[in-house]
Amino acid sequence: MFAQGDERAMDMLYSVYAGYLTGVCSRYVPQYDDLCDVLQEALVKIFTSISMFRYQGVGSLKAWLTRVVINEALIFLRDRKKMRFVDDDREIPEQPEEQPDESALNEDMVAAAIQVLPDGYRTVFNLYAIEGKSHKEIAKILNIKPDTSASQYHRAKNMLARLLKEMERKEGQR
């Protein structure tokens, strides 16, 4: 159906997945104009290469669409040199991680805090914590060392905890 360029099928795919794919893309590219550009590139790639998709059971289309969007977001970030990684082989000293009050958190607060992270931190955090990639896989995807991925993730987690505590504090003052 998609392979023949059926416009109704494309419209249906878009209407079913556009919101979800926008959310995925926004985890990597928070600026609206850039997000729209990346999402458009991803959709063009999806519609022009849909014939390469192989159905492998329930959820395989959604997984494939997600992978295309993430790849386009990573290409965008790499091309724009927006990601900066601290290639730091020093050991991160053991320190207690800050823990926000989980009962006070909501999904919107967490999503907003993730958006504030620097690009490199946010990208590694998303790939590790949300996409389930290992530091070795992330290193290969981003062309960095696995130790760099691990330290970026650790720093992202700590920054995220501080941001969430600050958001909780501000929320409590209302």
N, C-alpha and C. Protein backbone atom coordinates (compact mmCIF):
# COMPACT_ATOMS: atom_id res chain seq x y z
N MET A 1 0.83 -1.19 0.00
CA MET A 1 0.00 0.00 0.00
C MET A 1 0.87 1.25 0.00
N PHE A 2 1.87 1.34 0.90
CA PHE A 2 2.76 2.50 0.93
C PHE A 2 3.70 2.50 -0.26
N ALA A 3 4.13 1.31 -0.67
CA ALA A 3 5.14 1.20 -1.72
C ALA A 3 4.68 1.87 -3.01
N GLN A 4 3.38 1.86 -3.28
CA GLN A 4 2.87 2.49 -4.49
C GLN A 4 2.63 3.99 -4.30
N GLY A 5 2.97 4.53 -3.15
CA GLY A 5 2.80 5.96 -2.91
C GLY A 5 1.35 6.34 -2.65
N ASP A 6 0.58 5.43 -2.11
CA ASP A 6 -0.82 5.66 -1.80
C ASP A 6 -0.94 6.82 -0.81
N GLU A 7 -1.50 7.93 -1.28
CA GLU A 7 -1.59 9.14 -0.44
C GLU A 7 -2.47 8.92 0.79
N ARG A 8 -3.53 8.15 0.65
CA ARG A 8 -4.39 7.89 1.81
C ARG A 8 -3.62 7.13 2.89
N ALA A 9 -2.81 6.18 2.47
CA ALA A 9 -2.02 5.41 3.43
C ALA A 9 -1.00 6.32 4.12
N MET A 10 -0.39 7.22 3.34
CA MET A 10 0.57 8.17 3.92
C MET A 10 -0.12 9.10 4.91
N ASP A 11 -1.30 9.59 4.53
CA ASP A 11 -2.06 10.46 5.43
C ASP A 11 -2.42 9.72 6.72
N MET A 12 -2.81 8.46 6.59
CA MET A 12 -3.18 7.67 7.76
C MET A 12 -1.96 7.46 8.66
N LEU A 13 -0.83 7.11 8.07
CA LEU A 13 0.38 6.91 8.86
C LEU A 13 0.74 8.21 9.58
N TYR A 14 0.65 9.32 8.86
CA TYR A 14 0.97 10.62 9.46
C TYR A 14 0.01 10.93 10.61
N SER A 15 -1.28 10.76 10.39
CA SER A 15 -2.24 11.12 11.44
C SER A 15 -2.11 10.23 12.68
N VAL A 16 -1.73 8.98 12.48
CA VAL A 16 -1.58 8.07 13.62
C VAL A 16 -0.30 8.34 14.39
N TYR A 17 0.80 8.63 13.69
CA TYR A 17 2.11 8.69 14.36
C TYR A 17 2.72 10.09 14.50
N ALA A 18 2.15 11.11 13.90
CA ALA A 18 2.78 12.44 13.92
C ALA A 18 3.02 12.96 15.33
N GLY A 19 2.03 12.86 16.19
CA GLY A 19 2.20 13.35 17.56
C GLY A 19 3.28 12.60 18.31
N TYR A 20 3.27 11.29 18.18
CA TYR A 20 4.29 10.47 18.85
C TYR A 20 5.68 10.81 18.33
N LEU A 21 5.84 10.88 17.01
CA LEU A 21 7.15 11.15 16.42
C LEU A 21 7.63 12.56 16.75
N THR A 22 6.71 13.50 16.87
CA THR A 22 7.08 14.86 17.30
C THR A 22 7.65 14.81 18.71
N GLY A 23 7.02 14.05 19.58
CA GLY A 23 7.52 13.89 20.95
C GLY A 23 8.90 13.27 20.99
N VAL A 24 9.11 12.23 20.18
CA VAL A 24 10.42 11.59 20.12
C VAL A 24 11.47 12.59 19.66
N CYS A 25 11.16 13.29 18.59
CA CYS A 25 12.10 14.26 18.03
C CYS A 25 12.41 15.38 19.02
N SER A 26 11.41 15.82 19.75
CA SER A 26 11.60 16.94 20.69
C SER A 26 12.52 16.57 21.85
N ARG A 27 12.68 15.27 22.12
CA ARG A 27 13.63 14.87 23.17
C ARG A 27 15.06 15.18 22.76
N TYR A 28 15.32 15.24 21.47
CA TYR A 28 16.67 15.49 20.97
C TYR A 28 16.84 16.92 20.46
N VAL A 29 15.80 17.46 19.87
CA VAL A 29 15.86 18.79 19.24
C VAL A 29 14.74 19.65 19.83
N PRO A 30 15.04 20.40 20.90
CA PRO A 30 13.97 21.12 21.59
C PRO A 30 13.49 22.40 20.90
N GLN A 31 14.30 23.03 20.06
CA GLN A 31 13.87 24.27 19.41
C GLN A 31 12.85 23.94 18.32
N TYR A 32 11.71 24.62 18.37
CA TYR A 32 10.57 24.29 17.52
C TYR A 32 10.91 24.32 16.03
N ASP A 33 11.56 25.38 15.55
CA ASP A 33 11.87 25.47 14.12
C ASP A 33 12.78 24.33 13.67
N ASP A 34 13.80 24.04 14.48
CA ASP A 34 14.71 22.94 14.15
C ASP A 34 13.97 21.61 14.20
N LEU A 35 13.11 21.45 15.20
CA LEU A 35 12.32 20.22 15.34
C LEU A 35 11.48 20.00 14.09
N CYS A 36 10.83 21.05 13.60
CA CYS A 36 10.00 20.93 12.40
C CYS A 36 10.83 20.50 11.19
N ASP A 37 12.03 21.09 11.05
CA ASP A 37 12.92 20.73 9.94
C ASP A 37 13.34 19.27 10.03
N VAL A 38 13.74 18.85 11.22
CA VAL A 38 14.20 17.46 11.40
C VAL A 38 13.05 16.49 11.16
N LEU A 39 11.89 16.81 11.69
CA LEU A 39 10.73 15.93 11.52
C LEU A 39 10.34 15.83 10.04
N GLN A 40 10.41 16.95 9.34
CA GLN A 40 10.09 16.92 7.90
C GLN A 40 11.09 16.04 7.16
N GLU A 41 12.38 16.19 7.46
CA GLU A 41 13.40 15.34 6.83
C GLU A 41 13.13 13.86 7.13
N ALA A 42 12.77 13.58 8.37
CA ALA A 42 12.50 12.20 8.77
C ALA A 42 11.28 11.65 8.02
N LEU A 43 10.24 12.46 7.90
CA LEU A 43 9.04 12.00 7.20
C LEU A 43 9.31 11.76 5.72
N VAL A 44 10.11 12.63 5.11
CA VAL A 44 10.49 12.42 3.71
C VAL A 44 11.24 11.09 3.59
N LYS A 45 12.18 10.86 4.50
CA LYS A 45 12.93 9.61 4.47
C LYS A 45 12.00 8.41 4.70
N ILE A 46 11.06 8.55 5.62
CA ILE A 46 10.11 7.46 5.89
C ILE A 46 9.30 7.15 4.64
N PHE A 47 8.73 8.18 4.02
CA PHE A 47 7.86 7.93 2.87
C PHE A 47 8.62 7.47 1.64
N THR A 48 9.88 7.88 1.50
CA THR A 48 10.64 7.44 0.33
C THR A 48 11.31 6.08 0.53
N SER A 49 11.40 5.63 1.77
CA SER A 49 12.06 4.34 2.00
C SER A 49 11.15 3.33 2.69
N ILE A 50 9.85 3.58 2.68
CA ILE A 50 8.91 2.68 3.35
C ILE A 50 8.95 1.28 2.75
N SER A 51 9.33 1.18 1.48
CA SER A 51 9.41 -0.15 0.85
C SER A 51 10.50 -1.01 1.48
N MET A 52 11.45 -0.39 2.16
CA MET A 52 12.53 -1.14 2.82
C MET A 52 12.09 -1.68 4.19
N PHE A 53 10.98 -1.17 4.71
CA PHE A 53 10.49 -1.63 6.00
C PHE A 53 10.00 -3.06 5.89
N ARG A 54 10.39 -3.88 6.86
CA ARG A 54 9.95 -5.28 6.93
C ARG A 54 9.15 -5.48 8.21
N TYR A 55 7.91 -5.86 8.05
CA TYR A 55 7.05 -6.11 9.20
C TYR A 55 7.59 -7.31 9.98
N GLN A 56 7.78 -7.12 11.29
CA GLN A 56 8.31 -8.19 12.13
C GLN A 56 7.42 -8.40 13.35
N GLY A 57 6.19 -8.04 13.24
CA GLY A 57 5.26 -8.23 14.34
C GLY A 57 4.75 -6.91 14.88
N VAL A 58 3.86 -7.01 15.84
CA VAL A 58 3.24 -5.84 16.45
C VAL A 58 4.33 -4.91 16.99
N GLY A 59 4.22 -3.65 16.67
CA GLY A 59 5.17 -2.66 17.17
C GLY A 59 6.36 -2.42 16.27
N SER A 60 6.55 -3.25 15.25
CA SER A 60 7.75 -3.09 14.42
C SER A 60 7.70 -1.81 13.58
N LEU A 61 6.52 -1.41 13.11
CA LEU A 61 6.43 -0.17 12.34
C LEU A 61 6.76 1.02 13.23
N LYS A 62 6.18 1.06 14.41
CA LYS A 62 6.45 2.16 15.34
C LYS A 62 7.93 2.21 15.69
N ALA A 63 8.54 1.07 15.92
CA ALA A 63 9.98 1.02 16.24
C ALA A 63 10.81 1.53 15.07
N TRP A 64 10.45 1.15 13.86
CA TRP A 64 11.19 1.60 12.67
C TRP A 64 11.04 3.11 12.49
N LEU A 65 9.82 3.62 12.62
CA LEU A 65 9.58 5.07 12.50
C LEU A 65 10.39 5.83 13.55
N THR A 66 10.39 5.31 14.77
CA THR A 66 11.14 5.94 15.87
C THR A 66 12.62 5.99 15.54
N ARG A 67 13.16 4.88 15.04
CA ARG A 67 14.58 4.81 14.70
C ARG A 67 14.93 5.84 13.62
N VAL A 68 14.08 5.98 12.60
CA VAL A 68 14.34 6.95 11.53
C VAL A 68 14.37 8.37 12.10
N VAL A 69 13.42 8.71 12.95
CA VAL A 69 13.36 10.05 13.55
C VAL A 69 14.59 10.31 14.43
N ILE A 70 14.95 9.34 15.25
CA ILE A 70 16.13 9.52 16.11
C ILE A 70 17.38 9.68 15.26
N ASN A 71 17.53 8.86 14.23
CA ASN A 71 18.70 8.99 13.36
C ASN A 71 18.77 10.37 12.71
N GLU A 72 17.64 10.87 12.24
CA GLU A 72 17.63 12.21 11.64
C GLU A 72 17.98 13.28 12.66
N ALA A 73 17.48 13.14 13.88
CA ALA A 73 17.81 14.11 14.94
C ALA A 73 19.30 14.08 15.25
N LEU A 74 19.88 12.89 15.31
CA LEU A 74 21.32 12.78 15.59
C LEU A 74 22.15 13.35 14.44
N ILE A 75 21.71 13.12 13.21
CA ILE A 75 22.41 13.70 12.05
C ILE A 75 22.35 15.22 12.14
N PHE A 76 21.18 15.75 12.45
CA PHE A 76 21.03 17.21 12.59
C PHE A 76 21.99 17.76 13.64
N LEU A 77 22.00 17.14 14.81
CA LEU A 77 22.86 17.62 15.89
C LEU A 77 24.33 17.50 15.51
N ARG A 78 24.71 16.41 14.89
CA ARG A 78 26.10 16.21 14.48
C ARG A 78 26.50 17.24 13.42
N ASP A 79 25.62 17.44 12.41
CA ASP A 79 25.92 18.39 11.33
C ASP A 79 26.02 19.82 11.83
N ARG A 80 25.24 20.16 12.82
CA ARG A 80 25.24 21.52 13.34
C ARG A 80 26.29 21.69 14.45
N LYS A 81 26.98 20.61 14.74
CA LYS A 81 28.02 20.61 15.79
C LYS A 81 27.47 21.17 17.10
N LYS A 82 26.20 20.86 17.37
CA LYS A 82 25.57 21.37 18.58
C LYS A 82 25.91 20.53 19.80
N MET A 83 26.39 19.32 19.57
CA MET A 83 26.70 18.46 20.71
C MET A 83 28.16 18.66 21.09
N ARG A 84 28.36 18.93 22.34
CA ARG A 84 29.72 19.04 22.85
C ARG A 84 29.87 18.00 23.94
N PHE A 85 30.89 17.20 23.78
CA PHE A 85 31.16 16.17 24.77
C PHE A 85 32.47 16.47 25.45
N VAL A 86 32.48 16.34 26.73
CA VAL A 86 33.71 16.48 27.49
C VAL A 86 34.34 15.10 27.48
N ASP A 87 35.43 14.95 26.74
CA ASP A 87 36.11 13.67 26.65
C ASP A 87 37.02 13.56 27.86
N ASP A 88 36.42 13.19 28.95
CA ASP A 88 37.08 13.23 30.25
C ASP A 88 37.24 11.82 30.78
N ASP A 89 38.47 11.34 30.80
CA ASP A 89 38.72 9.99 31.28
C ASP A 89 38.91 9.94 32.79
N ARG A 90 38.87 11.10 33.44
CA ARG A 90 39.02 11.10 34.89
C ARG A 90 37.84 10.39 35.51
N GLU A 91 38.12 9.70 36.60
CA GLU A 91 37.03 9.04 37.30
C GLU A 91 36.15 10.08 37.96
N ILE A 92 34.89 9.82 37.93
CA ILE A 92 33.94 10.71 38.59
C ILE A 92 33.91 10.30 40.06
N PRO A 93 34.20 11.22 40.95
CA PRO A 93 34.23 10.85 42.37
C PRO A 93 32.86 10.36 42.82
N GLU A 94 32.90 9.36 43.67
CA GLU A 94 31.65 8.85 44.23
C GLU A 94 31.04 9.91 45.13
N GLN A 95 29.84 10.26 44.85
CA GLN A 95 29.12 11.21 45.67
C GLN A 95 27.66 10.82 45.63
N PRO A 96 26.97 11.07 46.69
CA PRO A 96 25.55 10.70 46.68
C PRO A 96 24.82 11.50 45.61
N GLU A 97 24.04 10.79 44.83
CA GLU A 97 23.29 11.47 43.79
C GLU A 97 22.11 12.19 44.41
N GLU A 98 21.85 13.37 43.87
CA GLU A 98 20.69 14.12 44.35
C GLU A 98 19.44 13.38 43.91
N GLN A 99 18.48 13.34 44.77
CA GLN A 99 17.23 12.65 44.48
C GLN A 99 16.06 13.60 44.69
N PRO A 100 15.36 13.93 43.63
CA PRO A 100 14.16 14.76 43.82
C PRO A 100 13.06 13.93 44.47
N ASP A 101 12.10 14.60 45.05
CA ASP A 101 10.95 13.94 45.66
C ASP A 101 10.07 13.39 44.53
N GLU A 102 10.12 12.08 44.32
CA GLU A 102 9.41 11.48 43.19
C GLU A 102 7.90 11.67 43.27
N SER A 103 7.36 11.79 44.46
CA SER A 103 5.91 11.97 44.58
C SER A 103 5.47 13.33 44.06
N ALA A 104 6.39 14.29 44.04
CA ALA A 104 6.04 15.64 43.58
C ALA A 104 6.28 15.81 42.07
N LEU A 105 6.89 14.81 41.44
CA LEU A 105 7.22 14.92 40.03
C LEU A 105 6.04 14.53 39.16
N ASN A 106 5.98 15.16 38.01
CA ASN A 106 5.03 14.70 37.01
C ASN A 106 5.77 14.63 35.68
N GLU A 107 5.17 13.96 34.74
CA GLU A 107 5.81 13.71 33.45
C GLU A 107 6.22 15.01 32.76
N ASP A 108 5.38 16.03 32.84
CA ASP A 108 5.69 17.30 32.18
C ASP A 108 6.91 17.96 32.79
N MET A 109 7.04 17.88 34.13
CA MET A 109 8.22 18.47 34.79
C MET A 109 9.49 17.78 34.33
N VAL A 110 9.45 16.46 34.27
CA VAL A 110 10.63 15.70 33.86
C VAL A 110 10.97 16.02 32.41
N ALA A 111 9.98 16.04 31.53
CA ALA A 111 10.22 16.36 30.12
C ALA A 111 10.81 17.76 29.98
N ALA A 112 10.27 18.72 30.72
CA ALA A 112 10.78 20.09 30.66
C ALA A 112 12.22 20.16 31.15
N ALA A 113 12.53 19.44 32.20
CA ALA A 113 13.90 19.44 32.74
C ALA A 113 14.86 18.80 31.75
N ILE A 114 14.45 17.74 31.09
CA ILE A 114 15.32 17.09 30.09
C ILE A 114 15.63 18.06 28.97
N GLN A 115 14.64 18.87 28.57
CA GLN A 115 14.85 19.83 27.48
C GLN A 115 15.90 20.88 27.80
N VAL A 116 16.10 21.16 29.07
CA VAL A 116 17.04 22.20 29.50
C VAL A 116 18.49 21.68 29.50
N LEU A 117 18.66 20.36 29.52
CA LEU A 117 20.02 19.81 29.53
C LEU A 117 20.79 20.24 28.29
N PRO A 118 22.10 20.44 28.41
CA PRO A 118 22.91 20.72 27.21
C PRO A 118 22.74 19.58 26.20
N ASP A 119 22.92 19.89 24.92
CA ASP A 119 22.66 18.91 23.86
C ASP A 119 23.36 17.57 24.08
N GLY A 120 24.64 17.60 24.41
CA GLY A 120 25.38 16.35 24.60
C GLY A 120 24.82 15.53 25.74
N TYR A 121 24.56 16.17 26.87
CA TYR A 121 23.98 15.47 28.02
C TYR A 121 22.61 14.90 27.66
N ARG A 122 21.77 15.74 27.03
CA ARG A 122 20.41 15.33 26.69
C ARG A 122 20.43 14.14 25.73
N THR A 123 21.31 14.18 24.75
CA THR A 123 21.37 13.11 23.76
C THR A 123 21.78 11.79 24.39
N VAL A 124 22.84 11.81 25.19
CA VAL A 124 23.29 10.59 25.86
C VAL A 124 22.22 10.10 26.83
N PHE A 125 21.62 11.02 27.59
CA PHE A 125 20.57 10.64 28.54
C PHE A 125 19.42 9.94 27.81
N ASN A 126 18.95 10.53 26.71
CA ASN A 126 17.85 9.93 25.96
C ASN A 126 18.22 8.56 25.41
N LEU A 127 19.40 8.45 24.83
CA LEU A 127 19.81 7.17 24.25
C LEU A 127 19.95 6.09 25.31
N TYR A 128 20.47 6.45 26.48
CA TYR A 128 20.70 5.46 27.53
C TYR A 128 19.43 5.18 28.34
N ALA A 129 18.85 6.22 28.89
CA ALA A 129 17.73 6.04 29.82
C ALA A 129 16.40 5.76 29.13
N ILE A 130 16.20 6.34 27.96
CA ILE A 130 14.90 6.20 27.31
C ILE A 130 14.93 5.16 26.20
N GLU A 131 15.98 5.20 25.37
CA GLU A 131 16.06 4.25 24.25
C GLU A 131 16.69 2.91 24.67
N GLY A 132 17.33 2.87 25.85
CA GLY A 132 17.88 1.62 26.34
C GLY A 132 19.19 1.18 25.71
N LYS A 133 19.91 2.11 25.11
CA LYS A 133 21.21 1.78 24.50
C LYS A 133 22.28 1.65 25.57
N SER A 134 23.28 0.82 25.30
CA SER A 134 24.42 0.69 26.22
C SER A 134 25.41 1.83 25.92
N HIS A 135 26.33 2.06 26.84
CA HIS A 135 27.33 3.10 26.60
C HIS A 135 28.21 2.74 25.41
N LYS A 136 28.42 1.47 25.19
CA LYS A 136 29.20 1.03 24.03
C LYS A 136 28.45 1.37 22.73
N GLU A 137 27.15 1.12 22.71
CA GLU A 137 26.34 1.44 21.53
C GLU A 137 26.28 2.95 21.31
N ILE A 138 26.12 3.70 22.39
CA ILE A 138 26.07 5.16 22.29
C ILE A 138 27.39 5.69 21.76
N ALA A 139 28.48 5.14 22.25
CA ALA A 139 29.81 5.56 21.79
C ALA A 139 29.94 5.38 20.28
N LYS A 140 29.45 4.26 19.79
CA LYS A 140 29.52 3.99 18.35
C LYS A 140 28.63 4.96 17.57
N ILE A 141 27.42 5.19 18.05
CA ILE A 141 26.47 6.09 17.38
C ILE A 141 27.02 7.51 17.31
N LEU A 142 27.59 7.99 18.42
CA LEU A 142 28.01 9.39 18.53
C LEU A 142 29.51 9.60 18.26
N ASN A 143 30.21 8.51 17.98
CA ASN A 143 31.64 8.58 17.71
C ASN A 143 32.41 9.18 18.90
N ILE A 144 32.12 8.65 20.08
CA ILE A 144 32.81 9.05 21.31
C ILE A 144 33.25 7.77 22.03
N LYS A 145 33.99 7.92 23.11
CA LYS A 145 34.42 6.77 23.89
C LYS A 145 33.28 6.33 24.82
N PRO A 146 33.20 5.03 25.13
CA PRO A 146 32.18 4.57 26.08
C PRO A 146 32.29 5.28 27.43
N ASP A 147 33.52 5.56 27.88
CA ASP A 147 33.69 6.27 29.15
C ASP A 147 33.12 7.69 29.08
N THR A 148 33.25 8.31 27.91
CA THR A 148 32.69 9.65 27.72
C THR A 148 31.17 9.58 27.82
N SER A 149 30.58 8.57 27.19
CA SER A 149 29.13 8.38 27.28
C SER A 149 28.70 8.21 28.73
N ALA A 150 29.42 7.37 29.46
CA ALA A 150 29.07 7.11 30.86
C ALA A 150 29.18 8.38 31.70
N SER A 151 30.24 9.17 31.49
CA SER A 151 30.39 10.39 32.29
C SER A 151 29.34 11.43 31.90
N GLN A 152 29.00 11.52 30.60
CA GLN A 152 27.95 12.45 30.17
C GLN A 152 26.61 12.06 30.79
N TYR A 153 26.34 10.75 30.83
CA TYR A 153 25.09 10.28 31.43
C TYR A 153 25.05 10.61 32.92
N HIS A 154 26.15 10.34 33.61
CA HIS A 154 26.21 10.61 35.05
C HIS A 154 25.99 12.11 35.31
N ARG A 155 26.64 12.94 34.53
CA ARG A 155 26.49 14.40 34.70
C ARG A 155 25.07 14.84 34.35
N ALA A 156 24.51 14.25 33.31
CA ALA A 156 23.13 14.58 32.94
C ALA A 156 22.16 14.23 34.06
N LYS A 157 22.35 13.05 34.66
CA LYS A 157 21.49 12.63 35.76
C LYS A 157 21.57 13.58 36.93
N ASN A 158 22.79 13.98 37.28
CA ASN A 158 22.96 14.91 38.40
C ASN A 158 22.36 16.27 38.09
N MET A 159 22.58 16.77 36.87
CA MET A 159 22.00 18.05 36.48
C MET A 159 20.48 17.96 36.47
N LEU A 160 19.96 16.87 35.97
CA LEU A 160 18.51 16.66 35.93
C LEU A 160 17.93 16.65 37.34
N ALA A 161 18.60 15.98 38.26
CA ALA A 161 18.13 15.94 39.65
C ALA A 161 18.12 17.34 40.25
N ARG A 162 19.17 18.13 39.99
CA ARG A 162 19.21 19.51 40.51
C ARG A 162 18.09 20.34 39.90
N LEU A 163 17.89 20.20 38.60
CA LEU A 163 16.81 20.95 37.93
C LEU A 163 15.45 20.58 38.51
N LEU A 164 15.23 19.30 38.72
CA LEU A 164 13.94 18.85 39.25
C LEU A 164 13.72 19.32 40.68
N LYS A 165 14.79 19.32 41.49
CA LYS A 165 14.67 19.84 42.86
C LYS A 165 14.31 21.32 42.83
N GLU A 166 14.94 22.05 41.93
CA GLU A 166 14.65 23.49 41.80
C GLU A 166 13.21 23.70 41.35
N MET A 167 12.75 22.89 40.40
CA MET A 167 11.37 23.00 39.93
C MET A 167 10.39 22.67 41.07
N GLU A 168 10.72 21.64 41.86
CA GLU A 168 9.88 21.28 43.01
C GLU A 168 9.79 22.44 43.99
N ARG A 169 10.96 23.05 44.25
CA ARG A 169 11.01 24.17 45.19
C ARG A 169 10.13 25.31 44.70
N LYS A 170 10.25 25.64 43.43
CA LYS A 170 9.43 26.73 42.86
C LYS A 170 7.96 26.37 42.88
N GLU A 171 7.66 25.11 42.59
CA GLU A 171 6.27 24.65 42.61
C GLU A 171 5.69 24.75 44.02
N GLY A 172 6.50 24.46 45.02
CA GLY A 172 6.08 24.52 46.41
C GLY A 172 5.83 25.93 46.91
N GLN A 173 6.43 26.91 46.24
CA GLN A 173 6.25 28.31 46.64
C GLN A 173 4.95 28.90 46.12
N ARG A 174 4.27 28.18 45.26
CA ARG A 174 3.02 28.71 44.68
C ARG A 174 1.87 28.51 45.60
